[in-house]
Protein backbone atom coordinates (compact mmCIF):
# COMPACT_ATOMS: atom_id res chain seq x y z
CA MET A 1 90.46 25.60 72.63
CA ILE A 2 86.96 26.13 74.04
CA VAL A 3 85.05 22.87 73.92
CA PRO A 4 81.73 23.11 71.94
CA MET A 5 78.66 22.46 74.03
CA LYS A 6 75.12 21.22 73.41
CA LYS A 7 72.04 22.23 75.28
CA VAL A 8 70.35 19.09 76.71
CA THR A 9 66.79 18.86 78.07
CA LEU A 10 65.82 15.60 79.91
CA PHE A 11 62.31 14.39 80.82
CA PHE A 12 61.46 11.67 83.37
CA SER A 13 58.75 10.57 85.71
CA ALA A 14 58.42 12.83 88.71
CA LYS A 15 58.32 9.86 91.10
CA HIS A 16 61.57 8.58 89.71
CA HIS A 17 63.48 11.86 89.71
CA ASP A 18 65.73 10.81 92.59
CA GLU A 19 66.90 7.77 90.64
CA ALA A 20 67.34 9.91 87.53
CA LEU A 21 69.51 12.38 89.43
CA LEU A 22 71.61 9.54 90.81
CA ARG A 23 72.26 8.22 87.29
CA LEU A 24 73.12 11.68 86.01
CA ARG A 25 75.39 12.29 89.01
CA GLN A 26 77.22 9.00 88.28
CA LEU A 27 77.48 9.94 84.60
CA GLY A 28 79.07 13.30 85.61
CA VAL A 29 79.01 15.21 82.30
CA LEU A 30 75.92 17.51 82.46
CA HIS A 31 76.33 21.10 83.70
CA ILE A 32 72.81 21.72 85.01
CA GLN A 33 71.18 25.12 84.96
CA ASP A 34 67.98 26.11 86.83
CA VAL A 35 64.73 25.83 84.95
CA GLU A 36 62.87 27.31 87.92
CA HIS A 37 64.00 29.26 90.98
CA ARG A 38 62.18 27.85 93.95
CA ALA A 39 62.92 28.52 97.59
CA SER A 40 63.82 25.43 99.58
CA ASP A 41 63.88 25.02 103.36
CA ASP A 42 66.13 21.97 102.78
CA ILE A 43 68.76 24.10 101.13
CA GLN A 44 68.61 26.77 103.81
CA GLN A 45 69.01 24.14 106.54
CA ILE A 46 71.96 22.50 104.89
CA GLU A 47 73.66 25.89 104.28
CA THR A 48 73.16 26.83 107.97
CA THR A 49 74.60 23.52 109.11
CA LEU A 50 77.58 23.92 106.80
CA GLU A 51 78.24 27.46 108.18
CA ASN A 52 78.17 26.02 111.69
CA ILE A 53 80.52 23.21 110.81
CA GLU A 54 82.92 25.70 109.17
CA ARG A 55 82.83 27.79 112.32
CA ILE A 56 83.47 24.72 114.50
CA LEU A 57 86.34 23.39 112.42
CA LYS A 58 88.11 26.77 112.61
CA LEU A 59 88.12 26.71 116.45
CA PRO A 60 91.67 26.72 117.86
CA GLU A 61 90.70 23.99 120.27
CA LEU A 62 90.03 21.67 117.21
CA GLN A 63 93.39 22.13 115.64
CA GLN A 64 95.47 19.69 117.74
CA ASP A 65 95.92 15.97 116.96
CA THR A 66 94.16 13.41 119.07
CA GLY A 67 92.19 10.18 118.79
CA GLN A 68 89.14 9.78 116.55
CA ILE A 69 85.55 9.03 117.49
CA SER A 70 82.99 8.28 114.83
CA GLU A 71 80.02 6.54 116.42
CA TYR A 72 78.15 9.66 117.50
CA ASP A 73 75.44 11.54 115.64
CA PRO A 74 77.07 14.57 113.92
CA GLY A 75 73.99 16.68 114.47
CA GLU A 76 74.11 16.19 118.24
CA ILE A 77 77.81 16.98 118.32
CA ILE A 78 77.28 20.18 116.32
CA GLN A 79 74.51 21.29 118.69
CA LYS A 80 76.58 20.48 121.76
CA ILE A 81 79.57 22.50 120.41
CA LEU A 82 77.32 25.39 119.45
CA GLY A 83 75.81 25.33 122.91
CA LEU A 84 79.29 25.52 124.44
CA LEU A 85 80.16 28.40 122.16
CA GLN A 86 77.04 30.27 123.19
CA GLN A 87 77.91 29.79 126.85
CA LYS A 88 81.44 30.88 126.14
CA ASP A 89 80.27 34.05 124.38
CA SER A 90 77.89 34.87 127.20
CA ILE A 91 80.64 34.34 129.82
CA GLN A 92 83.06 36.51 127.81
CA ARG A 93 80.51 39.34 127.61
CA GLU A 94 79.85 39.17 131.35
CA LEU A 95 83.54 38.92 132.05
CA HIS A 96 84.15 42.05 129.93
CA GLU A 97 81.56 43.93 131.99
CA PHE A 98 83.10 42.90 135.34
CA GLN A 99 86.59 43.61 134.02
CA GLU A 100 85.47 47.16 133.30
CA LEU A 101 84.26 47.40 136.92
CA SER A 102 87.65 46.04 138.10
CA ASP A 103 89.42 48.64 136.02
CA TRP A 104 87.25 51.36 137.70
CA PHE A 105 88.28 50.18 141.14
CA GLU A 106 91.93 50.10 139.92
CA ARG A 107 91.61 53.77 139.10
CA TRP A 108 89.65 54.90 142.18
CA GLY A 109 90.62 52.34 144.79
CA ASP A 110 88.43 49.99 146.76
CA ILE A 111 85.49 52.28 147.26
CA SER A 112 82.63 50.56 149.03
CA TYR A 113 79.20 51.42 147.65
CA SER A 114 77.52 50.42 150.88
CA SER A 115 79.80 52.68 152.88
CA VAL A 116 79.13 55.57 150.54
CA GLN A 117 75.39 55.06 151.03
CA ALA A 118 75.82 54.83 154.78
CA LEU A 119 77.64 58.19 154.77
CA LYS A 120 74.90 59.66 152.65
CA GLU A 121 72.29 58.68 155.15
CA SER A 122 74.49 60.35 157.83
CA GLY A 123 74.54 63.59 155.87
CA VAL A 124 77.95 63.17 154.19
CA PHE A 125 77.87 63.18 150.40
CA ILE A 126 80.72 61.92 148.26
CA ARG A 127 80.87 62.62 144.53
CA LEU A 128 83.66 61.61 142.11
CA TYR A 129 84.80 63.80 139.23
CA LEU A 130 87.26 63.72 136.36
CA THR A 131 89.16 66.81 135.06
CA ASP A 132 92.51 67.85 133.71
CA LYS A 133 95.22 69.48 135.81
CA SER A 134 94.17 72.98 134.81
CA GLY A 135 90.72 72.30 136.33
CA LEU A 136 92.26 72.20 139.79
CA THR A 137 92.67 75.96 139.73
CA ARG A 138 88.94 76.46 139.20
CA ILE A 139 87.87 74.64 142.37
CA PRO A 140 86.53 77.11 145.02
CA ASP A 141 88.65 77.18 148.16
CA GLU A 142 85.69 76.48 150.42
CA MET A 143 85.02 73.09 148.87
CA GLN A 144 86.58 70.02 150.47
CA VAL A 145 88.25 68.05 147.61
CA MET A 146 90.63 65.11 147.65
CA VAL A 147 92.82 64.06 144.73
CA ALA A 148 92.51 60.28 144.34
CA GLY A 149 95.08 59.96 141.62
CA THR A 150 96.20 61.09 138.14
CA SER A 151 96.60 59.14 134.91
CA ASN A 152 97.24 60.43 131.42
CA ASN A 153 96.72 64.08 132.48
CA VAL A 154 93.32 63.13 133.92
CA VAL A 155 92.84 64.01 137.61
CA HIS A 156 90.49 61.89 139.76
CA LEU A 157 88.76 64.03 142.37
CA ALA A 158 86.48 63.18 145.35
CA LEU A 159 84.19 65.96 146.53
CA ILE A 160 83.08 65.64 150.16
CA SER A 161 80.18 67.79 151.26
CA GLN A 162 77.32 67.92 153.74
CA SER A 163 74.81 69.08 151.15
CA GLU A 164 73.37 67.07 148.28
CA ASP A 165 73.21 70.26 146.24
CA VAL A 166 76.91 70.91 146.16
CA HIS A 167 78.51 70.12 142.75
CA LEU A 168 81.62 70.73 140.74
CA ASP A 169 81.54 71.77 137.07
CA PHE A 170 83.39 68.65 135.93
CA ARG A 171 82.47 65.32 134.44
CA GLN A 172 81.02 63.11 137.24
CA ASP A 173 82.05 59.49 137.48
CA THR A 174 79.38 57.23 138.92
CA ILE A 175 80.20 54.86 141.74
CA PRO A 176 79.31 51.21 140.83
CA GLN A 177 76.53 49.69 142.87
CA THR A 178 78.70 46.76 143.97
CA GLU A 179 81.60 45.93 146.21
CA PRO A 180 85.23 45.46 144.89
CA GLY A 181 85.46 42.08 146.61
CA GLU A 182 82.34 40.86 144.84
CA VAL A 183 83.75 42.00 141.49
CA ARG A 184 87.03 40.19 141.99
CA LEU A 185 85.17 37.04 143.13
CA LYS A 186 82.92 37.12 140.11
CA ILE A 187 85.83 37.54 137.72
CA ASN A 188 87.53 34.46 139.19
CA GLN A 189 84.33 32.47 138.89
CA LEU A 190 83.80 33.50 135.31
CA LYS A 191 87.41 32.70 134.36
CA GLN A 192 86.99 29.32 135.95
CA LEU A 193 83.82 28.65 133.96
CA SER A 194 85.60 29.84 130.79
CA ASP A 195 88.45 27.41 131.39
CA GLU A 196 86.00 24.59 131.92
CA ILE A 197 84.21 25.32 128.64
CA ASN A 198 87.50 25.59 126.81
CA GLY A 199 88.41 22.18 128.21
CA GLN A 200 85.11 20.72 126.91
CA LEU A 201 85.69 22.31 123.53
CA GLY A 202 89.15 20.86 123.51
CA SER A 203 87.76 17.37 124.02
CA MET A 204 85.63 17.90 120.91
CA VAL A 205 88.75 17.56 118.73
CA ALA A 206 88.12 13.82 118.75
CA TYR A 207 85.12 14.50 116.51
CA ARG A 208 87.00 16.69 114.03
CA ASP A 209 87.45 14.03 111.31
CA MET A 210 83.86 12.93 111.72
CA LEU A 211 82.63 16.49 111.22
CA THR A 212 84.91 16.93 108.17
CA ASP A 213 83.41 13.85 106.61
CA TYR A 214 79.92 15.09 107.42
CA ARG A 215 80.68 18.42 105.87
CA THR A 216 81.64 16.64 102.64
CA LYS A 217 78.46 14.69 102.69
CA LEU A 218 76.40 17.76 103.25
CA GLU A 219 78.11 19.64 100.41
CA LYS A 220 77.16 16.80 98.05
CA ASN A 221 73.56 16.83 99.43
CA LEU A 222 73.46 20.58 98.89
CA VAL A 223 74.30 20.18 95.22
CA VAL A 224 71.53 17.64 94.81
CA SER A 225 69.00 19.80 96.67
CA ARG A 226 69.84 22.81 94.48
CA VAL A 227 69.37 20.66 91.32
CA LYS A 228 65.96 19.47 92.65
CA ALA A 229 64.93 23.06 93.48
CA GLY A 230 65.80 24.15 89.95
CA MET A 231 63.95 21.37 88.11
CA GLY A 232 60.70 21.96 86.31
CA ASP A 233 57.49 20.00 86.75
CA VAL A 234 54.59 19.46 84.36
CA GLY A 235 52.01 17.17 85.91
CA ASP A 236 53.73 13.80 86.58
CA ILE A 237 56.73 14.77 84.43
CA SER A 238 59.91 16.39 85.81
CA TYR A 239 62.46 17.94 83.54
CA LEU A 240 65.84 19.63 83.77
CA GLN A 241 68.20 21.43 81.41
CA GLY A 242 71.91 21.63 81.16
CA PHE A 243 74.96 21.83 78.92
CA CYS A 244 77.13 18.94 77.81
CA PRO A 245 80.34 18.76 75.77
CA ASP A 246 79.73 17.56 72.24
CA GLU A 247 81.90 14.51 72.79
CA ALA A 248 79.76 13.40 75.80
CA VAL A 249 76.31 13.89 74.25
CA GLN A 250 76.10 10.24 73.16
CA SER A 251 76.75 9.02 76.66
CA VAL A 252 73.79 11.10 77.88
CA GLN A 253 71.62 9.78 75.14
CA ARG A 254 72.52 6.18 75.89
CA GLU A 255 71.77 6.69 79.58
CA ALA A 256 68.39 8.30 78.71
CA ASP A 257 67.48 5.50 76.29
CA SER A 258 68.37 2.75 78.78
CA HIS A 259 66.15 4.33 81.47
CA GLY A 260 63.27 5.46 79.34
CA TRP A 261 63.85 9.23 79.67
CA GLY A 262 62.76 11.67 77.04
CA TYR A 263 65.38 14.14 75.77
CA PHE A 264 66.22 16.58 73.02
CA VAL A 265 69.60 18.06 72.13
CA GLU A 266 70.02 21.47 70.55
CA GLU A 267 72.55 24.20 69.97
CA PRO A 268 72.66 26.76 72.77
CA ASP A 269 70.54 29.78 72.01
CA ASP A 270 72.22 32.10 74.52
CA PRO A 271 76.04 31.92 74.61
CA GLY A 272 75.98 33.94 77.83
CA GLN A 273 74.37 31.02 79.72
CA VAL A 274 76.77 28.41 78.37
CA PRO A 275 79.65 27.37 80.70
CA THR A 276 83.21 27.46 79.38
CA LEU A 277 85.36 24.33 79.27
CA THR A 278 88.85 24.73 77.84
CA LYS A 279 90.87 21.82 76.42
CA ASN A 280 94.53 22.32 75.68
CA SER A 281 97.85 20.51 75.73
CA ARG A 282 99.62 19.83 79.01
CA PHE A 283 102.15 22.57 78.11
CA ILE A 284 99.51 25.26 77.58
CA ASN A 285 97.52 24.13 80.66
CA MET A 286 100.31 25.38 82.89
CA ILE A 287 98.80 28.86 82.61
CA ASN A 288 95.64 27.62 84.37
CA PRO A 289 96.85 28.36 87.96
CA LEU A 290 97.19 32.05 87.00
CA PHE A 291 93.65 32.12 85.55
CA LYS A 292 92.29 30.44 88.65
CA PHE A 293 94.18 32.89 90.90
CA MET A 294 92.60 35.72 89.03
CA SER A 295 89.21 34.04 88.67
CA THR A 296 89.13 34.75 84.97
CA LEU A 297 87.75 32.60 82.18
CA PRO A 298 86.83 33.51 78.56
CA GLY A 299 83.17 33.51 77.63
CA TYR A 300 81.82 30.53 75.66
CA ASP A 301 81.47 32.70 72.50
CA GLU A 302 84.98 34.23 73.01
CA MET A 303 88.44 32.93 72.08
CA ASP A 304 90.71 30.83 74.16
CA VAL A 305 93.94 32.85 74.26
CA SER A 306 95.74 30.57 76.68
CA MET A 307 98.67 29.89 74.34
CA ILE A 308 99.36 33.49 73.51
CA PHE A 309 98.78 34.53 77.09
CA LEU A 310 101.39 31.92 78.33
CA GLY A 311 103.92 32.86 75.69
CA PHE A 312 103.88 36.57 76.18
CA PHE A 313 103.41 36.40 79.98
CA SER A 314 106.61 34.34 80.30
CA VAL A 315 108.48 37.06 78.30
CA PHE A 316 106.93 39.82 80.41
CA PHE A 317 107.87 37.94 83.58
CA ALA A 318 111.49 37.68 82.52
CA ILE A 319 111.84 41.30 81.54
CA ILE A 320 110.09 42.65 84.67
CA ILE A 321 112.02 40.43 87.07
CA GLY A 322 115.01 41.24 84.91
CA ASP A 323 117.71 39.36 86.89
CA GLY A 324 119.18 35.96 86.15
CA GLY A 325 120.11 35.57 89.85
CA TYR A 326 116.48 35.98 90.84
CA GLY A 327 115.53 33.51 88.13
CA LEU A 328 118.02 31.03 89.62
CA ILE A 329 116.42 31.49 93.03
CA PHE A 330 112.92 30.85 91.57
CA MET A 331 114.29 27.75 89.80
CA LEU A 332 115.87 26.32 92.97
CA LEU A 333 112.71 27.04 94.97
CA THR A 334 110.66 25.29 92.29
CA ILE A 335 112.89 22.25 92.34
CA TRP A 336 112.77 22.13 96.13
CA MET A 337 108.88 22.39 96.01
CA ARG A 338 108.73 19.64 93.43
CA ILE A 339 110.85 17.33 95.66
CA LYS A 340 109.38 18.34 99.04
CA PHE A 341 105.72 18.42 98.08
CA LYS A 342 104.86 15.47 95.93
CA LYS A 343 101.20 16.52 95.68
CA ALA A 344 101.91 20.10 94.71
CA ASN A 345 99.93 21.40 91.73
CA ARG A 346 101.81 20.09 88.70
CA GLU A 347 100.62 22.90 86.46
CA PHE A 348 101.88 25.51 88.88
CA VAL A 349 105.22 23.80 89.28
CA ASN A 350 105.58 23.60 85.44
CA LEU A 351 104.63 27.24 85.10
CA MET A 352 107.33 28.26 87.60
CA PHE A 353 109.88 26.16 85.76
CA LEU A 354 109.01 28.03 82.58
CA LEU A 355 109.06 31.49 84.18
CA SER A 356 112.27 30.71 86.01
CA GLY A 357 113.88 29.51 82.77
CA THR A 358 112.88 32.58 80.75
CA THR A 359 114.20 34.79 83.57
CA LEU A 360 117.50 32.91 83.52
CA VAL A 361 117.78 33.37 79.71
CA TRP A 362 117.03 37.11 80.05
CA GLY A 363 119.71 37.36 82.78
CA LEU A 364 122.19 35.63 80.49
CA LEU A 365 121.41 37.96 77.59
CA THR A 366 121.51 41.19 79.73
CA GLY A 367 124.34 40.15 82.02
CA THR A 368 122.29 40.82 85.08
CA TRP A 369 123.05 38.65 88.12
CA PHE A 370 121.97 40.21 91.42
CA GLY A 371 122.73 43.61 89.88
CA SER A 372 126.48 42.86 90.22
CA GLN A 373 128.83 43.95 87.48
CA THR A 374 131.47 41.62 88.95
CA LEU A 375 129.19 38.60 88.47
CA ALA A 376 128.28 39.79 84.99
CA GLY A 377 131.94 39.85 83.98
CA LEU A 378 132.66 36.20 84.94
CA PRO A 379 134.24 34.33 82.02
CA PHE A 380 131.55 31.69 81.81
CA LEU A 381 128.75 34.24 81.82
CA ARG A 382 130.13 37.06 79.67
CA PRO A 383 129.94 35.25 76.33
CA PHE A 384 126.14 35.05 76.53
CA VAL A 385 125.67 38.83 76.90
CA VAL A 386 124.17 40.71 73.93
CA ASP A 387 125.91 44.08 73.74
CA LYS A 388 122.76 46.06 73.08
CA LEU A 389 121.02 44.38 76.06
CA ASP A 390 123.94 44.69 78.45
CA SER A 391 122.48 46.16 81.59
CA PHE A 392 125.73 47.98 82.41
CA SER A 393 125.85 49.61 78.99
CA GLU A 394 124.36 53.06 78.37
CA GLU A 395 123.19 51.91 74.98
CA SER A 396 120.96 49.18 76.44
CA GLU A 397 118.39 51.63 77.87
CA SER A 398 117.20 52.89 74.52
CA PHE A 399 117.38 49.45 72.92
CA VAL A 400 115.27 47.83 75.60
CA MET A 401 112.71 50.63 75.23
CA LEU A 402 112.64 49.91 71.50
CA LEU A 403 112.32 46.20 72.25
CA SER A 404 109.34 46.93 74.52
CA PHE A 405 107.60 48.81 71.68
CA ILE A 406 108.32 45.94 69.26
CA ILE A 407 106.92 43.35 71.70
CA GLY A 408 103.83 45.59 72.14
CA ALA A 409 103.33 45.92 68.35
CA ILE A 410 103.69 42.19 67.84
CA HIS A 411 101.45 41.34 70.79
CA LEU A 412 98.63 43.55 69.65
CA SER A 413 99.07 42.56 65.99
CA VAL A 414 98.61 38.95 67.03
CA ALA A 415 95.42 39.96 68.77
CA HIS A 416 93.96 41.49 65.68
CA LEU A 417 95.08 38.56 63.45
CA MET A 418 93.36 36.21 65.80
CA ALA A 419 90.22 38.35 65.72
CA ALA A 420 90.40 38.36 61.89
CA ALA A 421 90.76 34.56 61.77
CA ARG A 422 87.71 34.20 63.93
CA LYS A 423 85.47 36.27 61.68
CA HIS A 424 84.07 34.52 58.61
CA ASN A 425 83.09 37.51 56.62
CA ILE A 426 84.61 40.54 54.94
CA THR A 427 84.79 42.57 58.22
CA SER A 428 87.87 40.50 59.06
CA LEU A 429 89.69 42.87 56.67
CA GLY A 430 89.09 45.68 59.20
CA GLU A 431 91.34 43.76 61.65
CA ILE A 432 94.09 43.72 58.99
CA GLY A 433 93.72 47.45 58.75
CA TRP A 434 94.24 47.73 62.48
CA VAL A 435 97.48 45.73 62.16
CA CYS A 436 98.71 48.30 59.66
CA GLU A 437 97.62 51.06 61.99
CA LEU A 438 99.42 49.54 64.93
CA TRP A 439 102.76 49.41 63.08
CA PHE A 440 102.39 53.06 62.07
CA ILE A 441 101.74 53.84 65.76
CA PHE A 442 104.82 51.81 66.61
CA PHE A 443 107.02 53.92 64.24
CA LEU A 444 105.38 57.09 65.60
CA ALA A 445 106.04 56.11 69.30
CA LYS A 446 109.60 55.17 68.36
CA ASN A 447 110.07 58.62 66.86
CA LEU A 448 108.49 60.55 69.72
CA VAL A 449 110.07 58.67 72.57
CA LEU A 450 113.43 57.55 71.10
CA GLY A 451 113.96 60.16 68.41
CA ILE A 452 114.28 57.53 65.63
CA ASP A 453 113.13 58.70 62.20
CA MET A 454 110.05 57.00 60.74
CA PRO A 455 110.63 55.02 57.56
CA GLY A 456 109.14 56.24 54.36
CA TYR A 457 106.47 53.56 54.23
CA ALA A 458 105.12 54.47 57.67
CA MET A 459 102.66 56.95 56.21
CA THR A 460 101.57 54.38 53.70
CA LEU A 461 100.67 52.12 56.57
CA LEU A 462 98.74 54.93 58.16
CA TRP A 463 96.59 55.80 55.15
CA VAL A 464 96.13 52.23 53.87
CA GLY A 465 95.23 51.06 57.40
CA LEU A 466 92.74 53.87 57.87
CA ALA A 467 91.12 53.16 54.51
CA ILE A 468 90.69 49.49 55.23
CA ILE A 469 89.37 50.15 58.75
CA ILE A 470 86.85 52.77 57.53
CA ILE A 471 85.52 50.63 54.70
CA PHE A 472 85.54 47.15 56.17
CA SER A 473 85.27 47.34 59.99
CA ASN A 474 81.45 47.72 59.87
CA PHE A 475 80.91 46.58 56.30
CA GLN A 476 77.19 46.26 55.44
CA ARG A 477 74.77 46.59 52.53
CA ASN A 478 74.49 50.34 53.21
CA ILE A 479 78.19 50.99 52.95
CA PHE A 480 77.95 54.68 53.84
CA LYS A 481 76.14 53.84 57.09
CA GLY A 482 78.88 51.43 58.02
CA ILE A 483 81.54 54.05 57.28
CA LEU A 484 79.75 56.57 59.43
CA VAL A 485 79.56 54.11 62.35
CA THR A 486 83.31 53.43 62.03
CA LEU A 487 84.20 57.14 61.85
CA SER A 488 82.24 57.87 65.00
CA ASN A 489 84.49 55.60 67.03
CA LEU A 490 87.70 55.88 65.04
CA PRO A 491 89.45 58.85 66.78
CA LEU A 492 89.10 57.36 70.21
CA SER A 493 90.15 53.92 68.96
CA VAL A 494 93.31 55.33 67.36
CA ILE A 495 94.22 57.23 70.53
CA GLY A 496 93.59 54.16 72.59
CA SER A 497 95.82 52.08 70.36
CA PHE A 498 98.60 54.62 70.65
CA SER A 499 98.25 54.55 74.42
CA ASP A 500 98.30 50.78 74.42
CA ILE A 501 101.54 50.62 72.39
CA VAL A 502 103.28 53.19 74.55
CA SER A 503 102.10 51.37 77.74
CA TYR A 504 104.52 48.52 76.87
CA ILE A 505 107.36 50.81 77.87
CA ARG A 506 106.46 49.66 81.41
CA LEU A 507 108.45 46.48 80.69
CA PHE A 508 111.58 48.59 80.42
CA ALA A 509 110.67 50.93 83.24
CA VAL A 510 109.92 48.26 85.83
CA GLY A 511 112.77 45.98 84.85
CA PHE A 512 115.22 48.88 84.92
CA ALA A 513 113.90 50.07 88.29
CA GLY A 514 114.55 46.58 89.72
CA PHE A 515 118.09 46.65 88.34
CA ILE A 516 118.75 50.04 89.90
CA VAL A 517 117.42 48.89 93.29
CA SER A 518 119.54 45.73 93.33
CA SER A 519 122.67 47.68 92.25
CA SER A 520 122.04 50.36 94.88
CA PHE A 521 121.84 47.79 97.65
CA ASN A 522 125.05 46.22 96.47
CA THR A 523 126.76 49.60 96.63
CA MET A 524 125.30 50.23 100.10
CA ALA A 525 126.58 46.87 101.32
CA VAL A 526 130.12 47.01 100.05
CA GLY A 527 130.63 50.66 99.25
CA ALA A 528 132.52 51.50 102.46
CA GLY A 529 134.59 48.30 102.21
CA ILE A 530 134.59 45.19 104.33
CA ASP A 531 137.47 45.18 106.82
CA SER A 532 136.14 43.16 109.68
CA VAL A 533 133.76 40.30 110.54
CA VAL A 534 131.12 42.78 111.81
CA SER A 535 131.26 44.82 108.57
CA GLY A 536 131.00 41.61 106.55
CA ILE A 537 127.92 40.46 108.49
CA VAL A 538 126.34 43.89 108.13
CA ALA A 539 127.06 43.95 104.34
CA ALA A 540 125.61 40.45 103.96
CA LEU A 541 122.53 41.45 105.91
CA ILE A 542 122.01 44.55 103.79
CA MET A 543 122.34 42.56 100.59
CA PHE A 544 119.94 39.85 101.80
CA VAL A 545 117.28 42.29 102.92
CA GLY A 546 117.75 44.46 99.87
CA HIS A 547 117.45 41.69 97.34
CA ALA A 548 114.62 39.97 99.22
CA LEU A 549 112.66 43.29 99.11
CA ASN A 550 113.49 43.79 95.41
CA ILE A 551 112.33 40.24 94.55
CA ALA A 552 109.02 40.94 96.40
CA LEU A 553 108.52 44.24 94.56
CA CYS A 554 109.39 42.71 91.23
CA THR A 555 106.96 39.83 91.84
CA MET A 556 104.18 42.32 92.67
CA SER A 557 105.07 44.22 89.50
CA VAL A 558 104.50 41.10 87.47
CA LEU A 559 100.94 40.88 88.75
CA VAL A 560 100.35 44.57 88.26
CA HIS A 561 102.01 45.10 84.92
CA GLY A 562 102.74 41.76 83.27
CA VAL A 563 99.24 40.42 83.80
CA ARG A 564 97.69 43.78 82.86
CA LEU A 565 99.30 43.78 79.39
CA ASN A 566 97.54 40.49 78.66
CA MET A 567 94.28 41.11 80.46
CA LEU A 568 93.64 44.63 79.31
CA GLU A 569 95.69 45.70 76.29
CA PHE A 570 95.81 42.37 74.42
CA SER A 571 92.33 41.23 75.50
CA GLY A 572 90.84 44.55 74.49
CA HIS A 573 92.24 44.20 70.95
CA VAL A 574 91.39 40.52 70.50
CA GLY A 575 87.86 41.08 71.94
CA VAL A 576 88.04 38.80 75.01
CA GLN A 577 86.11 40.19 77.98
CA TRP A 578 86.63 37.25 80.36
CA THR A 579 82.91 36.86 81.05
CA GLY A 580 82.98 33.08 81.23
CA LYS A 581 81.61 30.84 84.00
CA PRO A 582 83.28 27.50 84.63
CA TYR A 583 81.90 24.18 83.44
CA GLU A 584 80.87 22.39 86.65
CA PRO A 585 79.17 19.11 85.80
CA PHE A 586 76.74 17.47 88.19
CA ARG A 587 78.76 14.56 89.54
CA GLU A 588 79.86 12.71 92.62
């Protein structure tokens, strides 16, 4: 459920606002929103320092383990490290420039600029050119040219003449105004300086823990500074606003009364500004890691669909993965993670147990174990197989398609029933009409895709559903105006609902594709027979790579298809747009 919130405004003396913020921070229940938006040099300075610390803590030199030093000023250490990084960047840029000169001498040889200038003063001119091999045929015979080398079809030419006006129609390469020995010496010096700076940076690892603690302190200070910048002031009075769960309002009132603050509590006037706090059972909370991964949260004035999302997502996961063997792998990995990583996110671990379990059950019902018919026929597995779901039966394809449509119709019907329950007026009947319409669409899709005749009452569902939708979806005092509003959107809504029902066939399609891939790799591995150790190793390698690839593809399909059916199709019908922002109380 989404926890109801109250909007709280607090008033206190401006000269005591630091103490008030400290008390509120210790209380830790008020999600504060800005009353004003003022620029703050303090905030900018803290953010800049935090950016510098993040950059420093990511340095490779600070990743090794060593002793700890904590008695130095963090600001001085940060400036020292930043200074070293600036020197290092400057050296790297200079080193890059000299390395390009070194590469030039590698191509042309150790050409001395001073010698070239001396020859120029003596009336001998040397120019360097670049051309392709075909360019050699275009050089006049009377010109004195020497080929210095060739690389990647590029010919390096030296033109020697006694006139400054003699040129070749090729791209000229300028001779660097330095000596090759000086370049090599400079490169060695820069590398030595770079090594020295790297050594100094490496010694800074001793301050890593201190900087980490300092970052934590600054992050807390940043929150306080942002709250201060967002407070309002009227004369000697400061005030702030925020949102507080209903159950915590009394604690805020007691704190205000004990310190002489003024306050008033009211219902939020704009649901779009109110943060969302969900409160569910431990079982339902296991879906939270998926919501956090996707950065999705229902709006304050929307419905919490966590329970339905979790239930249907576990079914979608099982059908899309589609293999009990893969479910067993997920289960074993989850058990290993639970044992190995004691501090692993408990909600995520529980979610993986649920998803692994549903996949195992689906594998039992369909007889799918690593796509192997031999494993499916084992005596202790065969009794669990449902004939119409048997993956190795031709009948199963059409039945799983039908099952996908049934799941879709139920899923979207639940969405409209939830939407109806949330409405407290006669327009809720419009949602019931959509339930009738969805089941007609189900029978229609079943007929068009699977060739199964529609029952006689299907048309009754169509007309009754349409009548209820047209009359009650936008019911108002001017009933004809409401009907016209509904009719303007009805065709597209019906087409969209048909598309949504049919889209659930992706459950069959993706699951069946995974089964075909696993079966194909099994055939590739053992199709030619195993008659030697080498062939056995090759077969095992093919099966390992094939099934690993298939597991990866199936897992990606869960995110693409399984999540989509909840986030788009279901959410669109229930009216959840996932526009919420998280409840983040001001606390230590």
